[in-house]
Amino acid sequence: MEALLEVKRRVVYNHGPELIAVFYDVFKDELGEGFNVVIEALEYLTEYYTRARYPFLLRGEVLGPEDIVTKDIAEKDISLAEKVVEMVRDYLRRRGII
């Protein structure tokens, strides 16, 4: 998705809610069905973006990624990511970028 934003000369340094807002503003009228695929993925994956990489403290207990991200969550993450990658590839090909 950063590749799509780069095409539009938009840079996002925060990969959380700001990424969703910028992506929405830039592509809401352009991607058709692909737009919904990306928004769904962003909304779901944002929750696990940091939790899947770093331990964190919850109610005095340190939880690691393996305590939060189950196999089902990981499989859904992969499925959503694959859909987004395919949509981004198609977009970049249609514009002759790749």
PDB file of N, CA and C in Angstrom:
ATOM      1  N   MET A   1       0.810  -1.170   0.000  1.00  0.00           N
ATOM      2  CA  MET A   1       0.000   0.000   0.000  1.00  0.00           C
ATOM      3  C   MET A   1       0.862   1.246   0.000  1.00  0.00           C
ATOM      4  N   GLU A   2       2.041   1.135   0.599  1.00  0.00           N
ATOM      5  CA  GLU A   2       2.939   2.278   0.534  1.00  0.00           C
ATOM      6  C   GLU A   2       3.311   2.572  -0.908  1.00  0.00           C
ATOM      7  N   ALA A   3       3.423   1.528  -1.738  1.00  0.00           N
ATOM      8  CA  ALA A   3       3.730   1.738  -3.153  1.00  0.00           C
ATOM      9  C   ALA A   3       2.630   2.552  -3.824  1.00  0.00           C
ATOM     10  N   LEU A   4       1.381   2.255  -3.502  1.00  0.00           N
ATOM     11  CA  LEU A   4       0.269   3.022  -4.076  1.00  0.00           C
ATOM     12  C   LEU A   4       0.345   4.477  -3.641  1.00  0.00           C
ATOM     13  N   LEU A   5       0.626   4.701  -2.376  1.00  0.00           N
ATOM     14  CA  LEU A   5       0.704   6.071  -1.873  1.00  0.00           C
ATOM     15  C   LEU A   5       1.898   6.805  -2.475  1.00  0.00           C
ATOM     16  N   GLU A   6       3.002   6.092  -2.690  1.00  0.00           N
ATOM     17  CA  GLU A   6       4.169   6.710  -3.330  1.00  0.00           C
ATOM     18  C   GLU A   6       3.835   7.174  -4.746  1.00  0.00           C
ATOM     19  N   VAL A   7       3.051   6.364  -5.470  1.00  0.00           N
ATOM     20  CA  VAL A   7       2.630   6.747  -6.824  1.00  0.00           C
ATOM     21  C   VAL A   7       1.904   8.083  -6.790  1.00  0.00           C
ATOM     22  N   LYS A   8       1.153   8.320  -5.745  1.00  0.00           N
ATOM     23  CA  LYS A   8       0.384   9.569  -5.601  1.00  0.00           C
ATOM     24  C   LYS A   8       1.173  10.646  -4.857  1.00  0.00           C
ATOM     25  N   ARG A   9       2.456  10.370  -4.631  1.00  0.00           N
ATOM     26  CA  ARG A   9       3.347  11.315  -3.936  1.00  0.00           C
ATOM     27  C   ARG A   9       2.885  11.625  -2.513  1.00  0.00           C
ATOM     28  N   ARG A  10       2.351  10.613  -1.845  1.00  0.00           N
ATOM     29  CA  ARG A  10       1.940  10.768  -0.443  1.00  0.00           C
ATOM     30  C   ARG A  10       2.811   9.850   0.408  1.00  0.00           C
ATOM     31  N   VAL A  11       3.381  10.373   1.444  1.00  0.00           N
ATOM     32  CA  VAL A  11       4.241   9.602   2.332  1.00  0.00           C
ATOM     33  C   VAL A  11       3.591   9.562   3.700  1.00  0.00           C
ATOM     34  N   VAL A  12       3.541   8.369   4.284  1.00  0.00           N
ATOM     35  CA  VAL A  12       2.956   8.197   5.610  1.00  0.00           C
ATOM     36  C   VAL A  12       4.014   7.578   6.505  1.00  0.00           C
ATOM     37  N   TYR A  13       4.315   8.243   7.601  1.00  0.00           N
ATOM     38  CA  TYR A  13       5.329   7.731   8.517  1.00  0.00           C
ATOM     39  C   TYR A  13       4.719   6.880   9.627  1.00  0.00           C
ATOM     40  N   ASN A  14       3.447   7.052   9.877  1.00  0.00           N
ATOM     41  CA  ASN A  14       2.751   6.315  10.923  1.00  0.00           C
ATOM     42  C   ASN A  14       1.943   5.211  10.255  1.00  0.00           C
ATOM     43  N   HIS A  15       2.198   3.972  10.617  1.00  0.00           N
ATOM     44  CA  HIS A  15       1.502   2.862   9.971  1.00  0.00           C
ATOM     45  C   HIS A  15       0.228   2.460  10.700  1.00  0.00           C
ATOM     46  N   GLY A  16      -0.276   3.301  11.533  1.00  0.00           N
ATOM     47  CA  GLY A  16      -1.512   3.023  12.258  1.00  0.00           C
ATOM     48  C   GLY A  16      -2.692   3.719  11.595  1.00  0.00           C
ATOM     49  N   PRO A  17      -3.508   4.361  12.408  1.00  0.00           N
ATOM     50  CA  PRO A  17      -4.722   5.011  11.889  1.00  0.00           C
ATOM     51  C   PRO A  17      -4.449   6.059  10.812  1.00  0.00           C
ATOM     52  N   GLU A  18      -3.303   6.732  10.874  1.00  0.00           N
ATOM     53  CA  GLU A  18      -3.008   7.742   9.857  1.00  0.00           C
ATOM     54  C   GLU A  18      -2.919   7.111   8.472  1.00  0.00           C
ATOM     55  N   LEU A  19      -2.366   5.911   8.375  1.00  0.00           N
ATOM     56  CA  LEU A  19      -2.262   5.226   7.087  1.00  0.00           C
ATOM     57  C   LEU A  19      -3.643   4.983   6.497  1.00  0.00           C
ATOM     58  N   ILE A  20      -4.575   4.546   7.319  1.00  0.00           N
ATOM     59  CA  ILE A  20      -5.936   4.298   6.839  1.00  0.00           C
ATOM     60  C   ILE A  20      -6.568   5.597   6.353  1.00  0.00           C
ATOM     61  N   ALA A  21      -6.417   6.670   7.115  1.00  0.00           N
ATOM     62  CA  ALA A  21      -7.016   7.952   6.741  1.00  0.00           C
ATOM     63  C   ALA A  21      -6.435   8.484   5.434  1.00  0.00           C
ATOM     64  N   VAL A  22      -5.133   8.419   5.289  1.00  0.00           N
ATOM     65  CA  VAL A  22      -4.508   8.927   4.072  1.00  0.00           C
ATOM     66  C   VAL A  22      -4.903   8.057   2.884  1.00  0.00           C
ATOM     67  N   PHE A  23      -4.859   6.752   3.046  1.00  0.00           N
ATOM     68  CA  PHE A  23      -5.247   5.853   1.963  1.00  0.00           C
ATOM     69  C   PHE A  23      -6.688   6.130   1.533  1.00  0.00           C
ATOM     70  N   TYR A  24      -7.571   6.304   2.506  1.00  0.00           N
ATOM     71  CA  TYR A  24      -8.981   6.599   2.205  1.00  0.00           C
ATOM     72  C   TYR A  24      -9.099   7.876   1.377  1.00  0.00           C
ATOM     73  N   ASP A  25      -8.453   8.934   1.833  1.00  0.00           N
ATOM     74  CA  ASP A  25      -8.545  10.216   1.133  1.00  0.00           C
ATOM     75  C   ASP A  25      -8.004  10.138  -0.300  1.00  0.00           C
ATOM     76  N   VAL A  26      -6.922   9.423  -0.486  1.00  0.00           N
ATOM     77  CA  VAL A  26      -6.261   9.390  -1.786  1.00  0.00           C
ATOM     78  C   VAL A  26      -6.984   8.482  -2.783  1.00  0.00           C
ATOM     79  N   PHE A  27      -7.521   7.342  -2.313  1.00  0.00           N
ATOM     80  CA  PHE A  27      -8.020   6.334  -3.244  1.00  0.00           C
ATOM     81  C   PHE A  27      -9.518   6.044  -3.186  1.00  0.00           C
ATOM     82  N   LYS A  28     -10.284   6.767  -2.404  1.00  0.00           N
ATOM     83  CA  LYS A  28     -11.695   6.424  -2.210  1.00  0.00           C
ATOM     84  C   LYS A  28     -12.506   6.363  -3.502  1.00  0.00           C
ATOM     85  N   ASP A  29     -12.132   7.146  -4.498  1.00  0.00           N
ATOM     86  CA  ASP A  29     -12.899   7.165  -5.746  1.00  0.00           C
ATOM     87  C   ASP A  29     -12.186   6.468  -6.902  1.00  0.00           C
ATOM     88  N   GLU A  30     -11.076   5.809  -6.628  1.00  0.00           N
ATOM     89  CA  GLU A  30     -10.252   5.325  -7.726  1.00  0.00           C
ATOM     90  C   GLU A  30     -10.147   3.804  -7.841  1.00  0.00           C
ATOM     91  N   LEU A  31     -10.201   3.077  -6.770  1.00  0.00           N
ATOM     92  CA  LEU A  31      -9.866   1.655  -6.816  1.00  0.00           C
ATOM     93  C   LEU A  31     -11.045   0.706  -6.974  1.00  0.00           C
ATOM     94  N   GLY A  32     -12.242   1.191  -6.894  1.00  0.00           N
ATOM     95  CA  GLY A  32     -13.399   0.306  -7.024  1.00  0.00           C
ATOM     96  C   GLY A  32     -13.418  -0.761  -5.942  1.00  0.00           C
ATOM     97  N   GLU A  33     -13.618  -2.014  -6.348  1.00  0.00           N
ATOM     98  CA  GLU A  33     -13.687  -3.129  -5.394  1.00  0.00           C
ATOM     99  C   GLU A  33     -12.377  -3.302  -4.633  1.00  0.00           C
ATOM    100  N   GLY A  34     -11.268  -2.993  -5.280  1.00  0.00           N
ATOM    101  CA  GLY A  34      -9.970  -3.102  -4.610  1.00  0.00           C
ATOM    102  C   GLY A  34      -9.867  -2.209  -3.394  1.00  0.00           C
ATOM    103  N   PHE A  35     -10.564  -1.094  -3.431  1.00  0.00           N
ATOM    104  CA  PHE A  35     -10.539  -0.176  -2.294  1.00  0.00           C
ATOM    105  C   PHE A  35     -11.073  -0.859  -1.039  1.00  0.00           C
ATOM    106  N   ASN A  36     -12.189  -1.568  -1.160  1.00  0.00           N
ATOM    107  CA  ASN A  36     -12.765  -2.251  -0.007  1.00  0.00           C
ATOM    108  C   ASN A  36     -11.853  -3.344   0.521  1.00  0.00           C
ATOM    109  N   VAL A  37     -11.159  -4.031  -0.377  1.00  0.00           N
ATOM    110  CA  VAL A  37     -10.211  -5.070   0.031  1.00  0.00           C
ATOM    111  C   VAL A  37      -9.116  -4.460   0.900  1.00  0.00           C
ATOM    112  N   VAL A  38      -8.584  -3.342   0.466  1.00  0.00           N
ATOM    113  CA  VAL A  38      -7.499  -2.700   1.209  1.00  0.00           C
ATOM    114  C   VAL A  38      -7.990  -2.152   2.547  1.00  0.00           C
ATOM    115  N   ILE A  39      -9.133  -1.491   2.559  1.00  0.00           N
ATOM    116  CA  ILE A  39      -9.645  -0.929   3.814  1.00  0.00           C
ATOM    117  C   ILE A  39      -9.924  -2.049   4.815  1.00  0.00           C
ATOM    118  N   GLU A  40     -10.536  -3.137   4.375  1.00  0.00           N
ATOM    119  CA  GLU A  40     -10.789  -4.266   5.274  1.00  0.00           C
ATOM    120  C   GLU A  40      -9.474  -4.795   5.852  1.00  0.00           C
ATOM    121  N   ALA A  41      -8.473  -4.946   4.997  1.00  0.00           N
ATOM    122  CA  ALA A  41      -7.178  -5.444   5.454  1.00  0.00           C
ATOM    123  C   ALA A  41      -6.537  -4.474   6.442  1.00  0.00           C
ATOM    124  N   LEU A  42      -6.553  -3.194   6.117  1.00  0.00           N
ATOM    125  CA  LEU A  42      -5.964  -2.198   7.020  1.00  0.00           C
ATOM    126  C   LEU A  42      -6.640  -2.202   8.385  1.00  0.00           C
ATOM    127  N   GLU A  43      -7.957  -2.240   8.385  1.00  0.00           N
ATOM    128  CA  GLU A  43      -8.681  -2.223   9.656  1.00  0.00           C
ATOM    129  C   GLU A  43      -8.335  -3.447  10.504  1.00  0.00           C
ATOM    130  N   TYR A  44      -8.256  -4.595   9.882  1.00  0.00           N
ATOM    131  CA  TYR A  44      -7.960  -5.829  10.622  1.00  0.00           C
ATOM    132  C   TYR A  44      -6.486  -5.898  11.029  1.00  0.00           C
ATOM    133  N   LEU A  45      -5.598  -5.613  10.085  1.00  0.00           N
ATOM    134  CA  LEU A  45      -4.169  -5.794  10.341  1.00  0.00           C
ATOM    135  C   LEU A  45      -3.584  -4.743  11.275  1.00  0.00           C
ATOM    136  N   THR A  46      -4.177  -3.562  11.330  1.00  0.00           N
ATOM    137  CA  THR A  46      -3.659  -2.506  12.198  1.00  0.00           C
ATOM    138  C   THR A  46      -3.589  -2.965  13.647  1.00  0.00           C
ATOM    139  N   GLU A  47      -4.570  -3.725  14.085  1.00  0.00           N
ATOM    140  CA  GLU A  47      -4.577  -4.203  15.467  1.00  0.00           C
ATOM    141  C   GLU A  47      -3.367  -5.078  15.775  1.00  0.00           C
ATOM    142  N   TYR A  48      -2.906  -5.823  14.793  1.00  0.00           N
ATOM    143  CA  TYR A  48      -1.830  -6.785  15.031  1.00  0.00           C
ATOM    144  C   TYR A  48      -0.473  -6.318  14.527  1.00  0.00           C
ATOM    145  N   TYR A  49      -0.410  -5.137  13.948  1.00  0.00           N
ATOM    146  CA  TYR A  49       0.835  -4.636  13.367  1.00  0.00           C
ATOM    147  C   TYR A  49       1.972  -4.646  14.385  1.00  0.00           C
ATOM    148  N   THR A  50       1.739  -4.125  15.570  1.00  0.00           N
ATOM    149  CA  THR A  50       2.760  -4.092  16.599  1.00  0.00           C
ATOM    150  C   THR A  50       2.708  -5.326  17.479  1.00  0.00           C
ATOM    151  N   ARG A  51       1.534  -5.791  17.793  1.00  0.00           N
ATOM    152  CA  ARG A  51       1.402  -6.937  18.689  1.00  0.00           C
ATOM    153  C   ARG A  51       2.060  -8.199  18.141  1.00  0.00           C
ATOM    154  N   ALA A  52       2.136  -8.317  16.840  1.00  0.00           N
ATOM    155  CA  ALA A  52       2.753  -9.495  16.236  1.00  0.00           C
ATOM    156  C   ALA A  52       4.282  -9.401  16.239  1.00  0.00           C
ATOM    157  N   ARG A  53       4.808  -8.249  16.628  1.00  0.00           N
ATOM    158  CA  ARG A  53       6.261  -8.052  16.562  1.00  0.00           C
ATOM    159  C   ARG A  53       6.921  -7.850  17.914  1.00  0.00           C
ATOM    160  N   TYR A  54       6.206  -7.291  18.858  1.00  0.00           N
ATOM    161  CA  TYR A  54       6.840  -6.918  20.125  1.00  0.00           C
ATOM    162  C   TYR A  54       5.992  -7.365  21.311  1.00  0.00           C
ATOM    163  N   PRO A  55       6.652  -7.696  22.428  1.00  0.00           N
ATOM    164  CA  PRO A  55       5.881  -7.957  23.656  1.00  0.00           C
ATOM    165  C   PRO A  55       5.297  -6.647  24.180  1.00  0.00           C
ATOM    166  N   PHE A  56       4.224  -6.758  24.962  1.00  0.00           N
ATOM    167  CA  PHE A  56       3.663  -5.565  25.583  1.00  0.00           C
ATOM    168  C   PHE A  56       3.083  -5.922  26.939  1.00  0.00           C
ATOM    169  N   LEU A  57       2.831  -4.911  27.725  1.00  0.00           N
ATOM    170  CA  LEU A  57       2.361  -5.079  29.093  1.00  0.00           C
ATOM    171  C   LEU A  57       0.853  -4.920  29.128  1.00  0.00           C
ATOM    172  N   LEU A  58       0.171  -5.893  29.728  1.00  0.00           N
ATOM    173  CA  LEU A  58      -1.273  -5.838  29.879  1.00  0.00           C
ATOM    174  C   LEU A  58      -1.629  -6.260  31.288  1.00  0.00           C
ATOM    175  N   ARG A  59      -2.182  -5.331  32.047  1.00  0.00           N
ATOM    176  CA  ARG A  59      -2.570  -5.581  33.448  1.00  0.00           C
ATOM    177  C   ARG A  59      -1.435  -6.188  34.264  1.00  0.00           C
ATOM    178  N   GLY A  60      -0.242  -5.651  34.097  1.00  0.00           N
ATOM    179  CA  GLY A  60       0.903  -6.090  34.868  1.00  0.00           C
ATOM    180  C   GLY A  60       1.569  -7.363  34.363  1.00  0.00           C
ATOM    181  N   GLU A  61       1.098  -7.904  33.265  1.00  0.00           N
ATOM    182  CA  GLU A  61       1.669  -9.130  32.712  1.00  0.00           C
ATOM    183  C   GLU A  61       2.270  -8.832  31.330  1.00  0.00           C
ATOM    184  N   VAL A  62       3.466  -9.341  31.111  1.00  0.00           N
ATOM    185  CA  VAL A  62       4.105  -9.172  29.811  1.00  0.00           C
ATOM    186  C   VAL A  62       3.597 -10.264  28.873  1.00  0.00           C
ATOM    187  N   LEU A  63       3.038  -9.831  27.757  1.00  0.00           N
ATOM    188  CA  LEU A  63       2.525 -10.766  26.760  1.00  0.00           C
ATOM    189  C   LEU A  63       3.381 -10.679  25.497  1.00  0.00           C
ATOM    190  N   GLY A  64       3.728 -11.843  24.977  1.00  0.00           N
ATOM    191  CA  GLY A  64       4.486 -11.905  23.737  1.00  0.00           C
ATOM    192  C   GLY A  64       3.543 -12.083  22.559  1.00  0.00           C
ATOM    193  N   PRO A  65       4.067 -11.947  21.359  1.00  0.00           N
ATOM    194  CA  PRO A  65       3.234 -12.121  20.166  1.00  0.00           C
ATOM    195  C   PRO A  65       2.500 -13.462  20.155  1.00  0.00           C
ATOM    196  N   GLU A  66       3.159 -14.517  20.627  1.00  0.00           N
ATOM    197  CA  GLU A  66       2.519 -15.836  20.625  1.00  0.00           C
ATOM    198  C   GLU A  66       1.334 -15.926  21.583  1.00  0.00           C
ATOM    199  N   ASP A  67       1.232 -14.990  22.518  1.00  0.00           N
ATOM    200  CA  ASP A  67       0.093 -14.957  23.437  1.00  0.00           C
ATOM    201  C   ASP A  67      -1.120 -14.268  22.815  1.00  0.00           C
ATOM    202  N   ILE A  68      -0.897 -13.499  21.779  1.00  0.00           N
ATOM    203  CA  ILE A  68      -1.959 -12.699  21.168  1.00  0.00           C
ATOM    204  C   ILE A  68      -2.365 -13.244  19.805  1.00  0.00           C
ATOM    205  N   VAL A  69      -1.395 -13.545  18.977  1.00  0.00           N
ATOM    206  CA  VAL A  69      -1.664 -13.923  17.596  1.00  0.00           C
ATOM    207  C   VAL A  69      -1.799 -15.444  17.498  1.00  0.00           C
ATOM    208  N   THR A  70      -3.031 -15.882  17.291  1.00  0.00           N
ATOM    209  CA  THR A  70      -3.306 -17.309  17.146  1.00  0.00           C
ATOM    210  C   THR A  70      -3.072 -17.744  15.693  1.00  0.00           C
ATOM    211  N   LYS A  71      -3.122 -19.032  15.470  1.00  0.00           N
ATOM    212  CA  LYS A  71      -2.972 -19.554  14.111  1.00  0.00           C
ATOM    213  C   LYS A  71      -4.074 -19.002  13.202  1.00  0.00           C
ATOM    214  N   ASP A  72      -5.303 -18.953  13.702  1.00  0.00           N
ATOM    215  CA  ASP A  72      -6.411 -18.424  12.897  1.00  0.00           C
ATOM    216  C   ASP A  72      -6.187 -16.962  12.517  1.00  0.00           C
ATOM    217  N   ILE A  73      -5.720 -16.171  13.482  1.00  0.00           N
ATOM    218  CA  ILE A  73      -5.435 -14.762  13.215  1.00  0.00           C
ATOM    219  C   ILE A  73      -4.329 -14.653  12.172  1.00  0.00           C
ATOM    220  N   ALA A  74      -3.271 -15.424  12.330  1.00  0.00           N
ATOM    221  CA  ALA A  74      -2.149 -15.389  11.387  1.00  0.00           C
ATOM    222  C   ALA A  74      -2.600 -15.792   9.982  1.00  0.00           C
ATOM    223  N   GLU A  75      -3.433 -16.813   9.885  1.00  0.00           N
ATOM    224  CA  GLU A  75      -3.915 -17.244   8.575  1.00  0.00           C
ATOM    225  C   GLU A  75      -4.790 -16.177   7.918  1.00  0.00           C
ATOM    226  N   LYS A  76      -5.621 -15.505   8.709  1.00  0.00           N
ATOM    227  CA  LYS A  76      -6.442 -14.420   8.152  1.00  0.00           C
ATOM    228  C   LYS A  76      -5.551 -13.262   7.726  1.00  0.00           C
ATOM    229  N   ASP A  77      -4.533 -12.944   8.534  1.00  0.00           N
ATOM    230  CA  ASP A  77      -3.582 -11.890   8.177  1.00  0.00           C
ATOM    231  C   ASP A  77      -2.940 -12.177   6.819  1.00  0.00           C
ATOM    232  N   ILE A  78      -2.480 -13.411   6.642  1.00  0.00           N
ATOM    233  CA  ILE A  78      -1.824 -13.799   5.395  1.00  0.00           C
ATOM    234  C   ILE A  78      -2.794 -13.700   4.224  1.00  0.00           C
ATOM    235  N   SER A  79      -4.009 -14.165   4.414  1.00  0.00           N
ATOM    236  CA  SER A  79      -5.007 -14.123   3.353  1.00  0.00           C
ATOM    237  C   SER A  79      -5.312 -12.685   2.936  1.00  0.00           C
ATOM    238  N   LEU A  80      -5.502 -11.804   3.916  1.00  0.00           N
ATOM    239  CA  LEU A  80      -5.773 -10.398   3.610  1.00  0.00           C
ATOM    240  C   LEU A  80      -4.579  -9.752   2.917  1.00  0.00           C
ATOM    241  N   ALA A  81      -3.382 -10.042   3.405  1.00  0.00           N
ATOM    242  CA  ALA A  81      -2.174  -9.467   2.813  1.00  0.00           C
ATOM    243  C   ALA A  81      -2.012  -9.919   1.364  1.00  0.00           C
ATOM    244  N   GLU A  82      -2.281 -11.183   1.082  1.00  0.00           N
ATOM    245  CA  GLU A  82      -2.172 -11.685  -0.289  1.00  0.00           C
ATOM    246  C   GLU A  82      -3.156 -10.969  -1.215  1.00  0.00           C
ATOM    247  N   LYS A  83      -4.366 -10.722  -0.738  1.00  0.00           N
ATOM    248  CA  LYS A  83      -5.358 -10.003  -1.553  1.00  0.00           C
ATOM    249  C   LYS A  83      -4.888  -8.578  -1.846  1.00  0.00           C
ATOM    250  N   VAL A  84      -4.317  -7.934  -0.843  1.00  0.00           N
ATOM    251  CA  VAL A  84      -3.842  -6.559  -1.021  1.00  0.00           C
ATOM    252  C   VAL A  84      -2.672  -6.529  -1.998  1.00  0.00           C
ATOM    253  N   VAL A  85      -1.738  -7.449  -1.846  1.00  0.00           N
ATOM    254  CA  VAL A  85      -0.580  -7.484  -2.745  1.00  0.00           C
ATOM    255  C   VAL A  85      -1.044  -7.668  -4.191  1.00  0.00           C
ATOM    256  N   GLU A  86      -1.991  -8.551  -4.423  1.00  0.00           N
ATOM    257  CA  GLU A  86      -2.497  -8.779  -5.773  1.00  0.00           C
ATOM    258  C   GLU A  86      -3.188  -7.525  -6.329  1.00  0.00           C
ATOM    259  N   MET A  87      -3.980  -6.864  -5.507  1.00  0.00           N
ATOM    260  CA  MET A  87      -4.664  -5.651  -5.941  1.00  0.00           C
ATOM    261  C   MET A  87      -3.648  -4.548  -6.262  1.00  0.00           C
ATOM    262  N   VAL A  88      -2.626  -4.394  -5.426  1.00  0.00           N
ATOM    263  CA  VAL A  88      -1.596  -3.377  -5.655  1.00  0.00           C
ATOM    264  C   VAL A  88      -0.833  -3.699  -6.940  1.00  0.00           C
ATOM    265  N   ARG A  89      -0.479  -4.956  -7.137  1.00  0.00           N
ATOM    266  CA  ARG A  89       0.210  -5.371  -8.360  1.00  0.00           C
ATOM    267  C   ARG A  89      -0.609  -5.008  -9.605  1.00  0.00           C
ATOM    268  N   ASP A  90      -1.900  -5.334  -9.553  1.00  0.00           N
ATOM    269  CA  ASP A  90      -2.783  -5.015 -10.686  1.00  0.00           C
ATOM    270  C   ASP A  90      -2.818  -3.513 -10.951  1.00  0.00           C
ATOM    271  N   TYR A  91      -2.954  -2.725  -9.901  1.00  0.00           N
ATOM    272  CA  TYR A  91      -2.998  -1.268 -10.026  1.00  0.00           C
ATOM    273  C   TYR A  91      -1.713  -0.740 -10.666  1.00  0.00           C
ATOM    274  N   LEU A  92      -0.578  -1.201 -10.182  1.00  0.00           N
ATOM    275  CA  LEU A  92       0.719  -0.730 -10.697  1.00  0.00           C
ATOM    276  C   LEU A  92       0.936  -1.185 -12.138  1.00  0.00           C
ATOM    277  N   ARG A  93       0.482  -2.386 -12.479  1.00  0.00           N
ATOM    278  CA  ARG A  93       0.596  -2.863 -13.864  1.00  0.00           C
ATOM    279  C   ARG A  93      -0.273  -2.032 -14.805  1.00  0.00           C
ATOM    280  N   ARG A  94      -1.504  -1.746 -14.400  1.00  0.00           N
ATOM    281  CA  ARG A  94      -2.421  -0.975 -15.246  1.00  0.00           C
ATOM    282  C   ARG A  94      -1.844   0.411 -15.561  1.00  0.00           C
ATOM    283  N   ARG A  95      -1.048   0.922 -14.661  1.00  0.00           N
ATOM    284  CA  ARG A  95      -0.457   2.238 -14.862  1.00  0.00           C
ATOM    285  C   ARG A  95       0.943   2.185 -15.464  1.00  0.00           C
ATOM    286  N   GLY A  96       1.404   0.971 -15.826  1.00  0.00           N
ATOM    287  CA  GLY A  96       2.701   0.816 -16.466  1.00  0.00           C
ATOM    288  C   GLY A  96       3.885   1.073 -15.551  1.00  0.00           C
ATOM    289  N   ILE A  97       3.669   0.946 -14.254  1.00  0.00           N
ATOM    290  CA  ILE A  97       4.744   1.201 -13.298  1.00  0.00           C
ATOM    291  C   ILE A  97       5.605  -0.044 -13.110  1.00  0.00           C
ATOM    292  N   ILE A  98       4.959  -1.209 -13.196  1.00  0.00           N
ATOM    293  CA  ILE A  98       5.722  -2.466 -13.130  1.00  0.00           C
ATOM    294  C   ILE A  98       5.359  -3.328 -14.329  1.00  0.00           C
TER     295      ILE A  98
END
